[in-house]
PDB file of N, CA and C in Angstrom:
ATOM      1  N   MET A   1      83.935  87.108  81.727  1.00  0.00           N
ATOM      2  CA  MET A   1      84.065  88.248  81.275  1.00  0.00           C
ATOM      3  C   MET A   1      83.229  89.671  81.645  1.00  0.00           C
ATOM      4  N   ILE A   2      83.699  90.496  81.672  1.00  0.00           N
ATOM      5  CA  ILE A   2      82.694  91.932  81.872  1.00  0.00           C
ATOM      6  C   ILE A   2      82.199  92.633  81.014  1.00  0.00           C
ATOM      7  N   THR A   3      81.323  92.488  81.070  1.00  0.00           N
ATOM      8  CA  THR A   3      80.492  92.897  80.037  1.00  0.00           C
ATOM      9  C   THR A   3      79.592  94.530  80.330  1.00  0.00           C
ATOM     10  N   ASP A   4      79.764  95.005  81.537  1.00  0.00           N
ATOM     11  CA  ASP A   4      78.948  96.190  82.396  1.00  0.00           C
ATOM     12  C   ASP A   4      80.407  97.217  81.735  1.00  0.00           C
ATOM     13  N   PRO A   5      79.639  98.474  80.826  1.00  0.00           N
ATOM     14  CA  PRO A   5      80.707  99.368  80.858  1.00  0.00           C
ATOM     15  C   PRO A   5      81.248 100.624  82.101  1.00  0.00           C
ATOM     16  N   LEU A   6      80.318 100.100  83.742  1.00  0.00           N
ATOM     17  CA  LEU A   6      80.701 100.401  85.348  1.00  0.00           C
ATOM     18  C   LEU A   6      82.116  99.864  85.178  1.00  0.00           C
ATOM     19  N   GLU A   7      81.947  98.370  85.390  1.00  0.00           N
ATOM     20  CA  GLU A   7      83.115  97.307  85.579  1.00  0.00           C
ATOM     21  C   GLU A   7      84.101  97.814  84.642  1.00  0.00           C
ATOM     22  N   TRP A   8      83.774  98.141  83.605  1.00  0.00           N
ATOM     23  CA  TRP A   8      85.555  98.263  82.877  1.00  0.00           C
ATOM     24  C   TRP A   8      85.946  99.657  83.961  1.00  0.00           C
ATOM     25  N   GLN A   9      85.232 100.531  83.979  1.00  0.00           N
ATOM     26  CA  GLN A   9      85.982 101.712  84.527  1.00  0.00           C
ATOM     27  C   GLN A   9      86.307 101.277  85.444  1.00  0.00           C
ATOM     28  N   ASN A  10      85.590 100.762  86.679  1.00  0.00           N
ATOM     29  CA  ASN A  10      86.171 100.455  87.960  1.00  0.00           C
ATOM     30  C   ASN A  10      87.700  99.358  87.501  1.00  0.00           C
ATOM     31  N   LEU A  11      87.917  98.976  86.638  1.00  0.00           N
ATOM     32  CA  LEU A  11      88.961  97.903  86.346  1.00  0.00           C
ATOM     33  C   LEU A  11      90.128  99.114  86.125  1.00  0.00           C
ATOM     34  N   LYS A  12      89.673 100.116  85.164  1.00  0.00           N
ATOM     35  CA  LYS A  12      90.430 100.870  84.777  1.00  0.00           C
ATOM     36  C   LYS A  12      90.837 101.836  85.529  1.00  0.00           C
ATOM     37  N   ALA A  13      90.479 102.402  86.804  1.00  0.00           N
ATOM     38  CA  ALA A  13      90.527 103.055  88.106  1.00  0.00           C
ATOM     39  C   ALA A  13      91.962 101.475  88.652  1.00  0.00           C
ATOM     40  N   MET A  14      91.120 100.379  89.490  1.00  0.00           N
ATOM     41  CA  MET A  14      91.915 100.068  89.746  1.00  0.00           C
ATOM     42  C   MET A  14      93.725  99.197  89.524  1.00  0.00           C
ATOM     43  N   VAL A  15      93.490  99.536  88.055  1.00  0.00           N
ATOM     44  CA  VAL A  15      94.713  99.375  87.714  1.00  0.00           C
ATOM     45  C   VAL A  15      95.750  99.994  87.576  1.00  0.00           C
ATOM     46  N   SER A  16      94.893 101.856  87.191  1.00  0.00           N
ATOM     47  CA  SER A  16      96.039 102.438  87.806  1.00  0.00           C
ATOM     48  C   SER A  16      96.612 102.810  88.962  1.00  0.00           C
ATOM     49  N   GLN A  17      95.448 102.678  90.173  1.00  0.00           N
ATOM     50  CA  GLN A  17      95.560 102.880  91.778  1.00  0.00           C
ATOM     51  C   GLN A  17      97.034 101.618  92.054  1.00  0.00           C
ATOM     52  N   LEU A  18      96.590 100.238  91.104  1.00  0.00           N
ATOM     53  CA  LEU A  18      97.490  99.644  91.492  1.00  0.00           C
ATOM     54  C   LEU A  18      98.973  99.887  91.103  1.00  0.00           C
ATOM     55  N   VAL A  19      99.367 100.611  89.727  1.00  0.00           N
ATOM     56  CA  VAL A  19     100.041 100.898  89.943  1.00  0.00           C
ATOM     57  C   VAL A  19     101.168 101.877  90.194  1.00  0.00           C
ATOM     58  N   VAL A  20     100.203 103.261  90.848  1.00  0.00           N
ATOM     59  CA  VAL A  20     100.956 104.159  92.037  1.00  0.00           C
ATOM     60  C   VAL A  20     101.309 103.371  93.015  1.00  0.00           C
ATOM     61  N   LEU A  21     100.221 102.725  93.256  1.00  0.00           N
ATOM     62  CA  LEU A  21     100.782 101.564  95.224  1.00  0.00           C
ATOM     63  C   LEU A  21     101.915 100.696  95.074  1.00  0.00           C
ATOM     64  N   ALA A  22     102.165  99.955  93.802  1.00  0.00           N
ATOM     65  CA  ALA A  22     103.773  99.645  93.497  1.00  0.00           C
ATOM     66  C   ALA A  22     104.476 100.352  93.248  1.00  0.00           C
ATOM     67  N   THR A  23     104.754 101.645  93.076  1.00  0.00           N
ATOM     68  CA  THR A  23     105.458 102.255  93.226  1.00  0.00           C
ATOM     69  C   THR A  23     106.096 102.983  94.575  1.00  0.00           C
ATOM     70  N   GLN A  24     104.764 103.424  94.685  1.00  0.00           N
ATOM     71  CA  GLN A  24     104.829 103.444  96.488  1.00  0.00           C
ATOM     72  C   GLN A  24     105.561 102.788  97.419  1.00  0.00           C
ATOM     73  N   LEU A  25     105.257 101.149  97.246  1.00  0.00           N
ATOM     74  CA  LEU A  25     105.165  99.954  97.706  1.00  0.00           C
ATOM     75  C   LEU A  25     107.175  99.274  97.439  1.00  0.00           C
ATOM     76  N   ALA A  26     108.069  99.836  96.443  1.00  0.00           N
ATOM     77  CA  ALA A  26     109.094 100.294  95.910  1.00  0.00           C
ATOM     78  C   ALA A  26     109.913 100.877  96.501  1.00  0.00           C
ATOM     79  N   ASP A  27     109.391 102.269  96.184  1.00  0.00           N
ATOM     80  CA  ASP A  27     109.990 103.159  97.080  1.00  0.00           C
ATOM     81  C   ASP A  27     110.113 103.196  98.629  1.00  0.00           C
ATOM     82  N   LEU A  28     108.843 102.913  99.330  1.00  0.00           N
ATOM     83  CA  LEU A  28     109.416 102.765 100.976  1.00  0.00           C
ATOM     84  C   LEU A  28     110.125 101.517 100.918  1.00  0.00           C
ATOM     85  N   GLN A  29     109.871 100.416 100.260  1.00  0.00           N
ATOM     86  CA  GLN A  29     111.059  99.175 100.639  1.00  0.00           C
ATOM     87  C   GLN A  29     112.421  99.689 100.246  1.00  0.00           C
ATOM     88  N   GLU A  30     112.902 100.816  99.644  1.00  0.00           N
ATOM     89  CA  GLU A  30     114.113 100.783  99.261  1.00  0.00           C
ATOM     90  C   GLU A  30     114.699 101.666 100.479  1.00  0.00           C
ATOM     91  N   LEU A  31     113.870 102.975 101.348  1.00  0.00           N
ATOM     92  CA  LEU A  31     113.779 103.232 102.179  1.00  0.00           C
ATOM     93  C   LEU A  31     114.787 102.785 103.421  1.00  0.00           C
ATOM     94  N   LEU A  32     113.149 101.643 103.574  1.00  0.00           N
ATOM     95  CA  LEU A  32     113.541 100.450 104.731  1.00  0.00           C
ATOM     96  C   LEU A  32     114.577  99.842 104.291  1.00  0.00           C
ATOM     97  N   TYR A  33     115.191  99.214 103.475  1.00  0.00           N
ATOM     98  CA  TYR A  33     116.724  98.887 102.992  1.00  0.00           C
ATOM     99  C   TYR A  33     117.822  99.725 103.710  1.00  0.00           C
ATOM    100  N   ALA A  34     117.324 100.738 102.913  1.00  0.00           N
ATOM    101  CA  ALA A  34     118.651 101.366 103.292  1.00  0.00           C
ATOM    102  C   ALA A  34     119.109 102.109 104.375  1.00  0.00           C
ATOM    103  N   GLU A  35     118.074 101.934 105.243  1.00  0.00           N
ATOM    104  CA  GLU A  35     118.001 102.391 106.443  1.00  0.00           C
ATOM    105  C   GLU A  35     118.729 101.132 107.562  1.00  0.00           C
ATOM    106  N   HIS A  36     118.271  99.964 107.504  1.00  0.00           N
ATOM    107  CA  HIS A  36     119.088  99.126 107.925  1.00  0.00           C
ATOM    108  C   HIS A  36     118.628  98.736 109.692  1.00  0.00           C
ATOM    109  N   LYS A  37     117.635  99.046 109.989  1.00  0.00           N
ATOM    110  CA  LYS A  37     117.041  99.446 111.334  1.00  0.00           C
ATOM    111  C   LYS A  37     116.075  98.505 111.545  1.00  0.00           C
ATOM    112  N   GLN A  38     115.182  98.561 110.727  1.00  0.00           N
ATOM    113  CA  GLN A  38     113.803  97.407 110.862  1.00  0.00           C
ATOM    114  C   GLN A  38     113.547  96.672 109.741  1.00  0.00           C
ATOM    115  N   LYS A  39     112.564  95.731 110.132  1.00  0.00           N
ATOM    116  CA  LYS A  39     112.065  94.883 109.004  1.00  0.00           C
ATOM    117  C   LYS A  39     111.157  95.014 109.476  1.00  0.00           C
ATOM    118  N   VAL A  40     110.264  93.762 107.848  1.00  0.00           N
ATOM    119  CA  VAL A  40     108.808  93.694 107.685  1.00  0.00           C
ATOM    120  C   VAL A  40     108.889  92.144 107.483  1.00  0.00           C
ATOM    121  N   LEU A  41     107.946  91.589 108.241  1.00  0.00           N
ATOM    122  CA  LEU A  41     107.548  90.127 108.161  1.00  0.00           C
ATOM    123  C   LEU A  41     105.717  90.157 107.620  1.00  0.00           C
ATOM    124  N   ILE A  42     105.799  89.510 106.663  1.00  0.00           N
ATOM    125  CA  ILE A  42     104.164  89.506 106.248  1.00  0.00           C
ATOM    126  C   ILE A  42     104.250  87.674 106.194  1.00  0.00           C
ATOM    127  N   VAL A  43     102.643  87.307 106.719  1.00  0.00           N
ATOM    128  CA  VAL A  43     102.694  86.102 106.884  1.00  0.00           C
ATOM    129  C   VAL A  43     101.522  85.462 106.097  1.00  0.00           C
ATOM    130  N   LEU A  44     101.725  85.052 104.705  1.00  0.00           N
ATOM    131  CA  LEU A  44     100.722  84.470 104.113  1.00  0.00           C
ATOM    132  C   LEU A  44     100.141  83.386 105.034  1.00  0.00           C
ATOM    133  N   GLN A  45      98.964  82.682 104.938  1.00  0.00           N
ATOM    134  CA  GLN A  45      98.597  81.028 105.600  1.00  0.00           C
ATOM    135  C   GLN A  45      97.193  81.197 104.597  1.00  0.00           C
ATOM    136  N   GLY A  46      97.494  80.044 104.221  1.00  0.00           N
ATOM    137  CA  GLY A  46      95.817  79.313 103.540  1.00  0.00           C
ATOM    138  C   GLY A  46      96.489  77.802 102.933  1.00  0.00           C
ATOM    139  N   MET A  47      95.147  77.114 102.420  1.00  0.00           N
ATOM    140  CA  MET A  47      95.427  76.043 102.013  1.00  0.00           C
ATOM    141  C   MET A  47      95.906  76.221 100.683  1.00  0.00           C
ATOM    142  N   ASP A  48      96.094  74.898 100.360  1.00  0.00           N
ATOM    143  CA  ASP A  48      96.876  74.659  99.048  1.00  0.00           C
ATOM    144  C   ASP A  48      95.924  75.049  97.784  1.00  0.00           C
ATOM    145  N   THR A  49      96.054  76.372  96.926  1.00  0.00           N
ATOM    146  CA  THR A  49      95.477  76.425  95.964  1.00  0.00           C
ATOM    147  C   THR A  49      94.294  78.007  96.733  1.00  0.00           C
ATOM    148  N   SER A  50      95.304  78.372  97.580  1.00  0.00           N
ATOM    149  CA  SER A  50      94.073  79.664  97.820  1.00  0.00           C
ATOM    150  C   SER A  50      95.106  80.854  97.602  1.00  0.00           C
ATOM    151  N   GLY A  51      95.900  81.036  96.712  1.00  0.00           N
ATOM    152  CA  GLY A  51      96.094  81.956  95.765  1.00  0.00           C
ATOM    153  C   GLY A  51      97.429  82.375  96.333  1.00  0.00           C
ATOM    154  N   LYS A  52      98.174  81.720  97.449  1.00  0.00           N
ATOM    155  CA  LYS A  52      99.372  82.854  97.899  1.00  0.00           C
ATOM    156  C   LYS A  52     100.708  83.456  97.192  1.00  0.00           C
ATOM    157  N   ASP A  53     100.381  82.050  95.979  1.00  0.00           N
ATOM    158  CA  ASP A  53     102.003  82.439  95.216  1.00  0.00           C
ATOM    159  C   ASP A  53     101.743  83.320  94.265  1.00  0.00           C
ATOM    160  N   SER A  54     100.308  83.590  93.888  1.00  0.00           N
ATOM    161  CA  SER A  54      99.734  84.933  93.055  1.00  0.00           C
ATOM    162  C   SER A  54      99.475  85.756  94.043  1.00  0.00           C
ATOM    163  N   THR A  55      99.416  85.980  95.511  1.00  0.00           N
ATOM    164  CA  THR A  55      99.219  87.288  95.559  1.00  0.00           C
ATOM    165  C   THR A  55     100.520  87.864  96.131  1.00  0.00           C
ATOM    166  N   ILE A  56     101.907  87.014  96.188  1.00  0.00           N
ATOM    167  CA  ILE A  56     103.434  87.085  96.490  1.00  0.00           C
ATOM    168  C   ILE A  56     103.613  88.369  94.882  1.00  0.00           C
ATOM    169  N   ARG A  57     102.911  87.778  93.716  1.00  0.00           N
ATOM    170  CA  ARG A  57     103.694  88.028  92.691  1.00  0.00           C
ATOM    171  C   ARG A  57     102.864  89.211  92.318  1.00  0.00           C
ATOM    172  N   HIS A  58     101.698  89.600  92.353  1.00  0.00           N
ATOM    173  CA  HIS A  58     100.812  91.097  92.145  1.00  0.00           C
ATOM    174  C   HIS A  58     101.481  91.888  93.065  1.00  0.00           C
ATOM    175  N   VAL A  59     101.695  91.579  94.801  1.00  0.00           N
ATOM    176  CA  VAL A  59     102.003  92.774  95.714  1.00  0.00           C
ATOM    177  C   VAL A  59     103.450  92.992  95.295  1.00  0.00           C
ATOM    178  N   PHE A  60     104.305  91.938  95.654  1.00  0.00           N
ATOM    179  CA  PHE A  60     105.435  92.225  95.102  1.00  0.00           C
ATOM    180  C   PHE A  60     106.244  92.230  93.815  1.00  0.00           C
ATOM    181  N   GLY A  61     105.976  91.970  92.726  1.00  0.00           N
ATOM    182  CA  GLY A  61     105.982  92.401  91.543  1.00  0.00           C
ATOM    183  C   GLY A  61     107.379  93.727  91.797  1.00  0.00           C
ATOM    184  N   ASP A  62     106.900  94.411  91.392  1.00  0.00           N
ATOM    185  CA  ASP A  62     107.618  95.709  91.649  1.00  0.00           C
ATOM    186  C   ASP A  62     108.845  96.124  92.211  1.00  0.00           C
ATOM    187  N   VAL A  63     108.563  95.162  93.573  1.00  0.00           N
ATOM    188  CA  VAL A  63     109.807  95.601  94.554  1.00  0.00           C
ATOM    189  C   VAL A  63     111.313  94.705  94.248  1.00  0.00           C
ATOM    190  N   ASN A  64     112.245  94.990  94.596  1.00  0.00           N
ATOM    191  CA  ASN A  64     113.679  94.694  94.735  1.00  0.00           C
ATOM    192  C   ASN A  64     113.656  93.298  94.790  1.00  0.00           C
ATOM    193  N   PRO A  65     113.535  92.144  93.936  1.00  0.00           N
ATOM    194  CA  PRO A  65     113.839  90.683  94.618  1.00  0.00           C
ATOM    195  C   PRO A  65     115.519  90.399  95.581  1.00  0.00           C
ATOM    196  N   GLN A  66     116.057  91.511  95.597  1.00  0.00           N
ATOM    197  CA  GLN A  66     117.544  91.503  96.327  1.00  0.00           C
ATOM    198  C   GLN A  66     116.945  91.568  97.581  1.00  0.00           C
ATOM    199  N   HIS A  67     116.355  92.379  97.962  1.00  0.00           N
ATOM    200  CA  HIS A  67     115.587  92.480  99.252  1.00  0.00           C
ATOM    201  C   HIS A  67     115.011  91.703  99.626  1.00  0.00           C
ATOM    202  N   GLN A  68     114.544  90.993  99.787  1.00  0.00           N
ATOM    203  CA  GLN A  68     113.238  89.690  99.708  1.00  0.00           C
ATOM    204  C   GLN A  68     114.162  88.732 100.145  1.00  0.00           C
ATOM    205  N   CYS A  69     113.235  88.339 101.465  1.00  0.00           N
ATOM    206  CA  CYS A  69     114.096  86.692 101.758  1.00  0.00           C
ATOM    207  C   CYS A  69     112.638  85.461 102.222  1.00  0.00           C
ATOM    208  N   LEU A  70     112.409  84.872 100.820  1.00  0.00           N
ATOM    209  CA  LEU A  70     110.934  84.206 101.169  1.00  0.00           C
ATOM    210  C   LEU A  70     111.391  83.052 101.881  1.00  0.00           C
ATOM    211  N   TRP A  71     110.119  82.350 102.167  1.00  0.00           N
ATOM    212  CA  TRP A  71     110.226  81.275 103.007  1.00  0.00           C
ATOM    213  C   TRP A  71     108.631  80.381 102.747  1.00  0.00           C
ATOM    214  N   PHE A  72     109.317  79.613 102.570  1.00  0.00           N
ATOM    215  CA  PHE A  72     107.698  78.628 102.285  1.00  0.00           C
ATOM    216  C   PHE A  72     108.013  77.499 103.230  1.00  0.00           C
ATOM    217  N   GLN A  73     107.033  77.158 104.292  1.00  0.00           N
ATOM    218  CA  GLN A  73     106.938  76.009 105.067  1.00  0.00           C
ATOM    219  C   GLN A  73     106.014  75.529 105.241  1.00  0.00           C
ATOM    220  N   SER A  74     105.658  74.428 105.364  1.00  0.00           N
ATOM    221  CA  SER A  74     103.953  73.116 105.440  1.00  0.00           C
ATOM    222  C   SER A  74     103.657  73.595 107.100  1.00  0.00           C
ATOM    223  N   ALA A  75     102.683  73.926 106.972  1.00  0.00           N
ATOM    224  CA  ALA A  75     102.071  73.710 108.379  1.00  0.00           C
ATOM    225  C   ALA A  75     101.263  72.270 109.071  1.00  0.00           C
ATOM    226  N   TYR A  76     101.746  71.489 107.677  1.00  0.00           N
ATOM    227  CA  TYR A  76     101.804  69.958 108.261  1.00  0.00           C
ATOM    228  C   TYR A  76     103.000  69.486 109.083  1.00  0.00           C
ATOM    229  N   PRO A  77     102.950  68.169 110.028  1.00  0.00           N
ATOM    230  CA  PRO A  77     104.320  67.421 110.192  1.00  0.00           C
ATOM    231  C   PRO A  77     104.360  67.057 109.292  1.00  0.00           C
ATOM    232  N   ALA A  78     105.281  66.375 108.560  1.00  0.00           N
ATOM    233  CA  ALA A  78     105.551  65.370 107.314  1.00  0.00           C
ATOM    234  C   ALA A  78     105.072  64.089 107.916  1.00  0.00           C
ATOM    235  N   GLY A  79     104.338  63.789 106.946  1.00  0.00           N
ATOM    236  CA  GLY A  79     103.363  62.602 106.736  1.00  0.00           C
ATOM    237  C   GLY A  79     102.227  62.944 106.805  1.00  0.00           C
ATOM    238  N   ILE A  80     101.293  63.668 107.175  1.00  0.00           N
ATOM    239  CA  ILE A  80      99.664  64.654 107.876  1.00  0.00           C
ATOM    240  C   ILE A  80      99.816  65.493 106.354  1.00  0.00           C
ATOM    241  N   GLY A  81      98.779  64.838 106.391  1.00  0.00           N
ATOM    242  CA  GLY A  81      97.804  66.158 104.986  1.00  0.00           C
ATOM    243  C   GLY A  81      98.169  65.578 103.559  1.00  0.00           C
ATOM    244  N   SER A  82      99.526  64.279 103.478  1.00  0.00           N
ATOM    245  CA  SER A  82      99.763  63.805 102.151  1.00  0.00           C
ATOM    246  C   SER A  82      98.890  62.304 101.875  1.00  0.00           C
TER     247      SER A  82
END
């Protein structure tokens, strides 16, 4: 719980910056998709419950899902780690 007023100001500034950056990311993704020349590969590696799913939702929430391909693969061969 945030009790310090300065933390609330920082939180408001971060949220407004997130909106600006998400809009820029969506615009850049449209340009990249329209060009059909380059691709972007983003690799997220982490243990179970490390926040990979929520990172994808927060970072790519405003990006057009028609232009995305998500692929999940276990880092361990079958039978190991289970």
